[in-house]
PDB file of N, CA and C in Angstrom:
ATOM      1  N   MET A   1       0.884  -1.185   0.123  1.00  0.00           N
ATOM      2  CA  MET A   1      -0.010   0.049  -0.191  1.00  0.00           C
ATOM      3  C   MET A   1       0.964   1.144   0.067  1.00  0.00           C
ATOM      4  N   ALA A   2       0.567   2.060  -0.907  1.00  0.00           N
ATOM      5  CA  ALA A   2       1.499   3.569  -0.838  1.00  0.00           C
ATOM      6  C   ALA A   2       1.031   4.380   0.230  1.00  0.00           C
ATOM      7  N   LYS A   3       2.162   5.056   0.603  1.00  0.00           N
ATOM      8  CA  LYS A   3       1.899   6.005   1.677  1.00  0.00           C
ATOM      9  C   LYS A   3       1.313   7.136   1.387  1.00  0.00           C
ATOM     10  N   ILE A   4       0.598   8.007   1.802  1.00  0.00           N
ATOM     11  CA  ILE A   4      -0.086   9.427   1.474  1.00  0.00           C
ATOM     12  C   ILE A   4       0.572  10.285   2.526  1.00  0.00           C
ATOM     13  N   PHE A   5       1.299  11.187   1.777  1.00  0.00           N
ATOM     14  CA  PHE A   5       1.850  12.330   2.589  1.00  0.00           C
ATOM     15  C   PHE A   5       0.906  13.359   2.520  1.00  0.00           C
ATOM     16  N   TYR A   6       0.578  13.773   3.711  1.00  0.00           N
ATOM     17  CA  TYR A   6      -0.156  15.195   4.088  1.00  0.00           C
ATOM     18  C   TYR A   6       0.780  16.351   3.872  1.00  0.00           C
ATOM     19  N   GLN A   7       0.278  17.316   3.111  1.00  0.00           N
ATOM     20  CA  GLN A   7       1.220  18.381   3.056  1.00  0.00           C
ATOM     21  C   GLN A   7       0.217  19.656   3.494  1.00  0.00           C
ATOM     22  N   PRO A   8       0.640  20.302   4.843  1.00  0.00           N
ATOM     23  CA  PRO A   8      -0.210  21.279   5.400  1.00  0.00           C
ATOM     24  C   PRO A   8      -0.542  22.458   4.303  1.00  0.00           C
ATOM     25  N   THR A   9      -1.722  22.996   4.387  1.00  0.00           N
ATOM     26  CA  THR A   9      -1.976  24.189   3.726  1.00  0.00           C
ATOM     27  C   THR A   9      -2.235  25.236   4.608  1.00  0.00           C
ATOM     28  N   ARG A  10      -1.816  26.519   4.169  1.00  0.00           N
ATOM     29  CA  ARG A  10      -1.957  27.869   4.833  1.00  0.00           C
ATOM     30  C   ARG A  10      -2.651  28.927   3.926  1.00  0.00           C
ATOM     31  N   MET A  11      -3.103  29.905   4.630  1.00  0.00           N
ATOM     32  CA  MET A  11      -3.666  31.056   3.800  1.00  0.00           C
ATOM     33  C   MET A  11      -2.772  32.235   3.688  1.00  0.00           C
ATOM     34  N   CYS A  12      -2.791  32.796   2.548  1.00  0.00           N
ATOM     35  CA  CYS A  12      -2.190  34.140   2.404  1.00  0.00           C
ATOM     36  C   CYS A  12      -2.854  35.244   3.104  1.00  0.00           C
ATOM     37  N   ILE A  13      -2.338  36.001   3.680  1.00  0.00           N
ATOM     38  CA  ILE A  13      -3.053  37.202   4.356  1.00  0.00           C
ATOM     39  C   ILE A  13      -3.593  38.147   3.418  1.00  0.00           C
ATOM     40  N   SER A  14      -3.054  38.238   2.381  1.00  0.00           N
ATOM     41  CA  SER A  14      -3.519  39.285   1.293  1.00  0.00           C
ATOM     42  C   SER A  14      -4.664  38.764   0.592  1.00  0.00           C
ATOM     43  N   CYS A  15      -4.562  37.733  -0.173  1.00  0.00           N
ATOM     44  CA  CYS A  15      -5.696  37.351  -1.372  1.00  0.00           C
ATOM     45  C   CYS A  15      -6.291  36.324  -0.771  1.00  0.00           C
ATOM     46  N   ARG A  16      -6.046  35.725   0.692  1.00  0.00           N
ATOM     47  CA  ARG A  16      -6.905  34.645   1.176  1.00  0.00           C
ATOM     48  C   ARG A  16      -6.992  33.259   0.396  1.00  0.00           C
ATOM     49  N   VAL A  17      -5.971  33.106  -0.294  1.00  0.00           N
ATOM     50  CA  VAL A  17      -6.016  31.823  -1.143  1.00  0.00           C
ATOM     51  C   VAL A  17      -5.174  30.878  -0.370  1.00  0.00           C
ATOM     52  N   ARG A  18      -5.649  29.601  -0.126  1.00  0.00           N
ATOM     53  CA  ARG A  18      -4.927  28.516   0.330  1.00  0.00           C
ATOM     54  C   ARG A  18      -3.923  27.928  -0.218  1.00  0.00           C
ATOM     55  N   GLU A  19      -2.656  27.670   0.022  1.00  0.00           N
ATOM     56  CA  GLU A  19      -1.603  27.124  -0.824  1.00  0.00           C
ATOM     57  C   GLU A  19      -0.882  25.976   0.100  1.00  0.00           C
ATOM     58  N   VAL A  20      -0.251  25.171  -0.337  1.00  0.00           N
ATOM     59  CA  VAL A  20       0.792  24.337   0.305  1.00  0.00           C
ATOM     60  C   VAL A  20       1.919  25.103   0.955  1.00  0.00           C
ATOM     61  N   GLN A  21       1.935  24.720   2.468  1.00  0.00           N
ATOM     62  CA  GLN A  21       2.876  25.734   3.048  1.00  0.00           C
ATOM     63  C   GLN A  21       4.425  26.008   2.363  1.00  0.00           C
ATOM     64  N   ASN A  22       4.942  25.051   1.765  1.00  0.00           N
ATOM     65  CA  ASN A  22       6.171  25.156   1.148  1.00  0.00           C
ATOM     66  C   ASN A  22       6.011  26.379   0.056  1.00  0.00           C
ATOM     67  N   ASN A  23       5.051  26.759  -0.540  1.00  0.00           N
ATOM     68  CA  ASN A  23       4.924  27.790  -1.573  1.00  0.00           C
ATOM     69  C   ASN A  23       4.624  29.075  -1.045  1.00  0.00           C
ATOM     70  N   LEU A  24       4.667  29.189   0.214  1.00  0.00           N
ATOM     71  CA  LEU A  24       4.385  30.550   0.886  1.00  0.00           C
ATOM     72  C   LEU A  24       5.506  31.170   1.523  1.00  0.00           C
ATOM     73  N   LEU A  25       5.694  32.445   1.696  1.00  0.00           N
ATOM     74  CA  LEU A  25       6.710  33.083   2.505  1.00  0.00           C
ATOM     75  C   LEU A  25       6.165  33.223   3.903  1.00  0.00           C
ATOM     76  N   ARG A  26       7.036  32.697   5.000  1.00  0.00           N
ATOM     77  CA  ARG A  26       6.452  32.820   6.074  1.00  0.00           C
ATOM     78  C   ARG A  26       7.203  33.873   6.894  1.00  0.00           C
ATOM     79  N   VAL A  27       6.486  34.902   7.497  1.00  0.00           N
ATOM     80  CA  VAL A  27       7.109  36.067   8.324  1.00  0.00           C
ATOM     81  C   VAL A  27       6.385  36.448   9.438  1.00  0.00           C
ATOM     82  N   GLN A  28       7.009  37.116  10.384  1.00  0.00           N
ATOM     83  CA  GLN A  28       6.416  37.424  11.866  1.00  0.00           C
ATOM     84  C   GLN A  28       6.747  38.748  11.992  1.00  0.00           C
ATOM     85  N   TYR A  29       5.969  39.379  12.794  1.00  0.00           N
ATOM     86  CA  TYR A  29       6.088  40.825  13.317  1.00  0.00           C
ATOM     87  C   TYR A  29       6.207  40.688  14.923  1.00  0.00           C
ATOM     88  N   ILE A  30       7.641  41.089  15.365  1.00  0.00           N
ATOM     89  CA  ILE A  30       7.873  41.156  16.700  1.00  0.00           C
ATOM     90  C   ILE A  30       8.666  42.301  16.912  1.00  0.00           C
ATOM     91  N   ASP A  31       7.950  43.107  18.021  1.00  0.00           N
ATOM     92  CA  ASP A  31       8.558  44.175  18.722  1.00  0.00           C
ATOM     93  C   ASP A  31       8.769  45.414  17.646  1.00  0.00           C
ATOM     94  N   GLY A  32       7.717  45.307  16.745  1.00  0.00           N
ATOM     95  CA  GLY A  32       7.679  46.488  15.822  1.00  0.00           C
ATOM     96  C   GLY A  32       8.615  46.243  14.712  1.00  0.00           C
ATOM     97  N   LEU A  33       9.058  44.983  14.503  1.00  0.00           N
ATOM     98  CA  LEU A  33       9.883  44.673  13.314  1.00  0.00           C
ATOM     99  C   LEU A  33       9.486  43.494  12.614  1.00  0.00           C
ATOM    100  N   LEU A  34       9.463  43.687  11.411  1.00  0.00           N
ATOM    101  CA  LEU A  34       9.019  42.557  10.404  1.00  0.00           C
ATOM    102  C   LEU A  34      10.230  41.754  10.178  1.00  0.00           C
ATOM    103  N   GLU A  35      10.179  40.240  10.447  1.00  0.00           N
ATOM    104  CA  GLU A  35      11.274  39.280  10.417  1.00  0.00           C
ATOM    105  C   GLU A  35      10.892  38.005   9.702  1.00  0.00           C
ATOM    106  N   ASN A  36      12.011  37.294   9.293  1.00  0.00           N
ATOM    107  CA  ASN A  36      11.719  35.818   8.931  1.00  0.00           C
ATOM    108  C   ASN A  36      11.261  35.184  10.018  1.00  0.00           C
ATOM    109  N   PHE A  37      10.554  34.180  10.010  1.00  0.00           N
ATOM    110  CA  PHE A  37      10.020  33.342  11.201  1.00  0.00           C
ATOM    111  C   PHE A  37      11.369  32.773  11.720  1.00  0.00           C
ATOM    112  N   SER A  38      11.328  33.027  13.228  1.00  0.00           N
ATOM    113  CA  SER A  38      12.215  32.418  13.819  1.00  0.00           C
ATOM    114  C   SER A  38      11.969  31.255  14.405  1.00  0.00           C
ATOM    115  N   GLY A  39      10.939  30.591  14.320  1.00  0.00           N
ATOM    116  CA  GLY A  39      10.551  29.368  14.963  1.00  0.00           C
ATOM    117  C   GLY A  39       9.836  29.255  16.269  1.00  0.00           C
ATOM    118  N   LYS A  40       9.611  30.618  16.809  1.00  0.00           N
ATOM    119  CA  LYS A  40       8.904  30.768  18.002  1.00  0.00           C
ATOM    120  C   LYS A  40       7.850  32.080  17.768  1.00  0.00           C
ATOM    121  N   GLY A  41       6.728  31.988  18.354  1.00  0.00           N
ATOM    122  CA  GLY A  41       5.688  32.962  18.074  1.00  0.00           C
ATOM    123  C   GLY A  41       4.778  32.827  17.034  1.00  0.00           C
ATOM    124  N   ARG A  42       4.037  33.883  17.040  1.00  0.00           N
ATOM    125  CA  ARG A  42       3.060  33.768  15.774  1.00  0.00           C
ATOM    126  C   ARG A  42       3.507  34.254  14.405  1.00  0.00           C
ATOM    127  N   SER A  43       3.035  33.784  13.437  1.00  0.00           N
ATOM    128  CA  SER A  43       3.587  33.982  12.084  1.00  0.00           C
ATOM    129  C   SER A  43       2.563  34.241  11.173  1.00  0.00           C
ATOM    130  N   PHE A  44       2.726  34.641   9.733  1.00  0.00           N
ATOM    131  CA  PHE A  44       1.679  34.699   8.898  1.00  0.00           C
ATOM    132  C   PHE A  44       2.385  34.396   7.663  1.00  0.00           C
ATOM    133  N   TYR A  45       1.636  34.214   6.607  1.00  0.00           N
ATOM    134  CA  TYR A  45       2.096  33.753   5.181  1.00  0.00           C
ATOM    135  C   TYR A  45       1.543  34.799   4.143  1.00  0.00           C
ATOM    136  N   ILE A  46       2.573  34.706   3.168  1.00  0.00           N
ATOM    137  CA  ILE A  46       2.384  35.709   1.989  1.00  0.00           C
ATOM    138  C   ILE A  46       2.568  34.762   0.721  1.00  0.00           C
ATOM    139  N   CYS A  47       1.691  34.817  -0.379  1.00  0.00           N
ATOM    140  CA  CYS A  47       1.918  33.901  -1.320  1.00  0.00           C
ATOM    141  C   CYS A  47       2.687  34.838  -2.502  1.00  0.00           C
ATOM    142  N   LYS A  48       3.329  34.106  -3.351  1.00  0.00           N
ATOM    143  CA  LYS A  48       4.321  34.688  -4.322  1.00  0.00           C
ATOM    144  C   LYS A  48       3.549  35.525  -5.132  1.00  0.00           C
ATOM    145  N   ASP A  49       2.122  35.293  -5.504  1.00  0.00           N
ATOM    146  CA  ASP A  49       1.343  36.180  -6.524  1.00  0.00           C
ATOM    147  C   ASP A  49       1.225  37.808  -5.637  1.00  0.00           C
ATOM    148  N   CYS A  50       1.108  37.672  -4.446  1.00  0.00           N
ATOM    149  CA  CYS A  50       0.839  38.843  -3.748  1.00  0.00           C
ATOM    150  C   CYS A  50       1.972  39.699  -3.582  1.00  0.00           C
ATOM    151  N   LEU A  51       3.188  39.070  -3.608  1.00  0.00           N
ATOM    152  CA  LEU A  51       4.551  39.913  -3.404  1.00  0.00           C
ATOM    153  C   LEU A  51       4.752  40.785  -4.583  1.00  0.00           C
ATOM    154  N   THR A  52       3.912  40.631  -5.640  1.00  0.00           N
ATOM    155  CA  THR A  52       4.072  41.458  -6.801  1.00  0.00           C
ATOM    156  C   THR A  52       3.030  42.633  -6.855  1.00  0.00           C
ATOM    157  N   GLN A  53       2.056  42.482  -5.849  1.00  0.00           N
ATOM    158  CA  GLN A  53       0.955  43.465  -5.873  1.00  0.00           C
ATOM    159  C   GLN A  53       1.187  44.269  -4.538  1.00  0.00           C
ATOM    160  N   GLU A  54       2.075  45.450  -4.715  1.00  0.00           N
ATOM    161  CA  GLU A  54       2.308  46.196  -3.522  1.00  0.00           C
ATOM    162  C   GLU A  54       1.246  46.860  -2.792  1.00  0.00           C
ATOM    163  N   LYS A  55       0.262  47.451  -3.372  1.00  0.00           N
ATOM    164  CA  LYS A  55      -0.943  48.231  -2.864  1.00  0.00           C
ATOM    165  C   LYS A  55      -1.632  47.176  -1.963  1.00  0.00           C
ATOM    166  N   LYS A  56      -2.133  46.083  -2.474  1.00  0.00           N
ATOM    167  CA  LYS A  56      -2.958  45.160  -1.793  1.00  0.00           C
ATOM    168  C   LYS A  56      -2.080  44.426  -0.652  1.00  0.00           C
ATOM    169  N   LEU A  57      -0.762  44.417  -0.753  1.00  0.00           N
ATOM    170  CA  LEU A  57      -0.083  43.650   0.132  1.00  0.00           C
ATOM    171  C   LEU A  57       0.214  44.649   1.309  1.00  0.00           C
ATOM    172  N   SER A  58       0.550  45.730   1.017  1.00  0.00           N
ATOM    173  CA  SER A  58       0.643  46.800   2.044  1.00  0.00           C
ATOM    174  C   SER A  58      -0.527  46.848   2.911  1.00  0.00           C
ATOM    175  N   LYS A  59      -1.474  46.901   2.407  1.00  0.00           N
ATOM    176  CA  LYS A  59      -2.856  47.086   3.251  1.00  0.00           C
ATOM    177  C   LYS A  59      -3.028  45.797   4.123  1.00  0.00           C
ATOM    178  N   ALA A  60      -2.688  44.474   3.741  1.00  0.00           N
ATOM    179  CA  ALA A  60      -2.903  43.362   4.334  1.00  0.00           C
ATOM    180  C   ALA A  60      -1.721  43.379   5.597  1.00  0.00           C
ATOM    181  N   LEU A  61      -0.632  43.875   5.224  1.00  0.00           N
ATOM    182  CA  LEU A  61       0.289  43.967   6.190  1.00  0.00           C
ATOM    183  C   LEU A  61       0.140  44.971   7.292  1.00  0.00           C
ATOM    184  N   MET A  62      -0.470  45.912   7.008  1.00  0.00           N
ATOM    185  CA  MET A  62      -0.686  47.180   8.058  1.00  0.00           C
ATOM    186  C   MET A  62      -1.815  46.426   8.792  1.00  0.00           C
ATOM    187  N   ARG A  63      -2.726  45.646   8.402  1.00  0.00           N
ATOM    188  CA  ARG A  63      -3.804  45.121   9.126  1.00  0.00           C
ATOM    189  C   ARG A  63      -3.294  44.104  10.121  1.00  0.00           C
ATOM    190  N   GLN A  64      -2.510  43.208   9.441  1.00  0.00           N
ATOM    191  CA  GLN A  64      -1.906  42.065  10.265  1.00  0.00           C
ATOM    192  C   GLN A  64      -0.977  42.733  11.371  1.00  0.00           C
ATOM    193  N   CYS A  65       0.011  43.410  11.153  1.00  0.00           N
ATOM    194  CA  CYS A  65       0.901  44.109  12.003  1.00  0.00           C
ATOM    195  C   CYS A  65       0.306  44.889  13.006  1.00  0.00           C
ATOM    196  N   LYS A  66      -0.842  45.573  12.719  1.00  0.00           N
ATOM    197  CA  LYS A  66      -1.446  46.627  13.393  1.00  0.00           C
ATOM    198  C   LYS A  66      -0.596  47.858  13.774  1.00  0.00           C
ATOM    199  N   SER A  67      -0.142  48.173  12.250  1.00  0.00           N
ATOM    200  CA  SER A  67       0.796  49.199  12.325  1.00  0.00           C
ATOM    201  C   SER A  67       0.442  50.197  11.020  1.00  0.00           C
ATOM    202  N   GLY A  68       0.588  51.444  11.435  1.00  0.00           N
ATOM    203  CA  GLY A  68       0.305  52.529  10.273  1.00  0.00           C
ATOM    204  C   GLY A  68       1.600  52.850   9.376  1.00  0.00           C
ATOM    205  N   GLU A  69       2.650  52.028   9.744  1.00  0.00           N
ATOM    206  CA  GLU A  69       3.971  52.373   8.940  1.00  0.00           C
ATOM    207  C   GLU A  69       4.101  51.782   7.656  1.00  0.00           C
ATOM    208  N   LYS A  70       3.328  51.922   6.740  1.00  0.00           N
ATOM    209  CA  LYS A  70       3.286  51.147   5.536  1.00  0.00           C
ATOM    210  C   LYS A  70       4.565  51.199   4.766  1.00  0.00           C
ATOM    211  N   ASP A  71       5.371  52.317   4.783  1.00  0.00           N
ATOM    212  CA  ASP A  71       6.451  52.246   4.067  1.00  0.00           C
ATOM    213  C   ASP A  71       7.678  51.486   4.706  1.00  0.00           C
ATOM    214  N   LYS A  72       7.718  51.614   6.025  1.00  0.00           N
ATOM    215  CA  LYS A  72       8.584  50.766   6.672  1.00  0.00           C
ATOM    216  C   LYS A  72       8.506  49.414   6.541  1.00  0.00           C
ATOM    217  N   LEU A  73       7.171  48.813   6.763  1.00  0.00           N
ATOM    218  CA  LEU A  73       6.786  47.504   6.492  1.00  0.00           C
ATOM    219  C   LEU A  73       7.242  46.931   5.223  1.00  0.00           C
ATOM    220  N   MET A  74       6.779  47.709   4.087  1.00  0.00           N
ATOM    221  CA  MET A  74       7.123  47.206   2.795  1.00  0.00           C
ATOM    222  C   MET A  74       8.679  47.145   2.469  1.00  0.00           C
ATOM    223  N   ASN A  75       9.441  48.208   2.943  1.00  0.00           N
ATOM    224  CA  ASN A  75      10.852  48.129   2.801  1.00  0.00           C
ATOM    225  C   ASN A  75      11.368  46.994   3.216  1.00  0.00           C
ATOM    226  N   ARG A  76      11.054  46.728   4.575  1.00  0.00           N
ATOM    227  CA  ARG A  76      11.646  45.440   5.361  1.00  0.00           C
ATOM    228  C   ARG A  76      11.122  44.213   4.657  1.00  0.00           C
ATOM    229  N   LEU A  77       9.911  44.074   4.025  1.00  0.00           N
ATOM    230  CA  LEU A  77       9.662  43.008   3.468  1.00  0.00           C
ATOM    231  C   LEU A  77      10.432  42.606   2.043  1.00  0.00           C
ATOM    232  N   LYS A  78      10.684  43.679   1.660  1.00  0.00           N
ATOM    233  CA  LYS A  78      11.534  43.732   0.172  1.00  0.00           C
ATOM    234  C   LYS A  78      13.101  43.252   0.476  1.00  0.00           C
ATOM    235  N   GLU A  79      13.573  43.542   1.687  1.00  0.00           N
ATOM    236  CA  GLU A  79      14.748  43.131   2.328  1.00  0.00           C
ATOM    237  C   GLU A  79      14.629  41.805   2.447  1.00  0.00           C
ATOM    238  N   ILE A  80      13.592  41.094   3.184  1.00  0.00           N
ATOM    239  CA  ILE A  80      13.569  39.654   3.776  1.00  0.00           C
ATOM    240  C   ILE A  80      13.415  39.054   2.320  1.00  0.00           C
ATOM    241  N   ILE A  81      12.655  39.508   1.308  1.00  0.00           N
ATOM    242  CA  ILE A  81      12.693  38.860  -0.108  1.00  0.00           C
ATOM    243  C   ILE A  81      13.804  38.527  -0.666  1.00  0.00           C
ATOM    244  N   THR A  82      14.583  39.544  -0.801  1.00  0.00           N
ATOM    245  CA  THR A  82      15.959  39.663  -1.504  1.00  0.00           C
ATOM    246  C   THR A  82      17.050  38.622  -0.678  1.00  0.00           C
ATOM    247  N   ASP A  83      17.035  38.715   0.716  1.00  0.00           N
ATOM    248  CA  ASP A  83      17.854  37.894   1.531  1.00  0.00           C
ATOM    249  C   ASP A  83      17.428  36.452   1.279  1.00  0.00           C
ATOM    250  N   ASP A  84      16.188  36.254   1.037  1.00  0.00           N
ATOM    251  CA  ASP A  84      15.659  34.844   1.008  1.00  0.00           C
ATOM    252  C   ASP A  84      16.096  34.292  -0.240  1.00  0.00           C
ATOM    253  N   ARG A  85      16.058  34.979  -1.502  1.00  0.00           N
ATOM    254  CA  ARG A  85      16.479  34.617  -2.741  1.00  0.00           C
ATOM    255  C   ARG A  85      17.952  34.424  -2.916  1.00  0.00           C
ATOM    256  N   LYS A  86      18.816  34.990  -2.094  1.00  0.00           N
ATOM    257  CA  LYS A  86      20.187  34.964  -2.086  1.00  0.00           C
ATOM    258  C   LYS A  86      20.589  33.575  -1.571  1.00  0.00           C
ATOM    259  N   SER A  87      19.950  33.042  -0.605  1.00  0.00           N
ATOM    260  CA  SER A  87      20.302  31.772   0.168  1.00  0.00           C
ATOM    261  C   SER A  87      19.627  30.664  -0.539  1.00  0.00           C
TER     262      SER A  87
END
């Protein structure tokens, strides 16, 4: 009998589409800073399609982080994305 592997699905905070967890970017907001997920605490997911839609994504980030600093959040997210692509 073949083994069936379960792949967890998560929801993007911007478009609310469910994707396999491996296809999403996982970040967290701790002490006023947006960071890659460190393994502890609450986090949220962003799909690759939404990473290109800046206006929609910035609104979702401000809602998720409960912050009004749109430019700061978007700049930090861009840094996380470029660092993630390098590794």
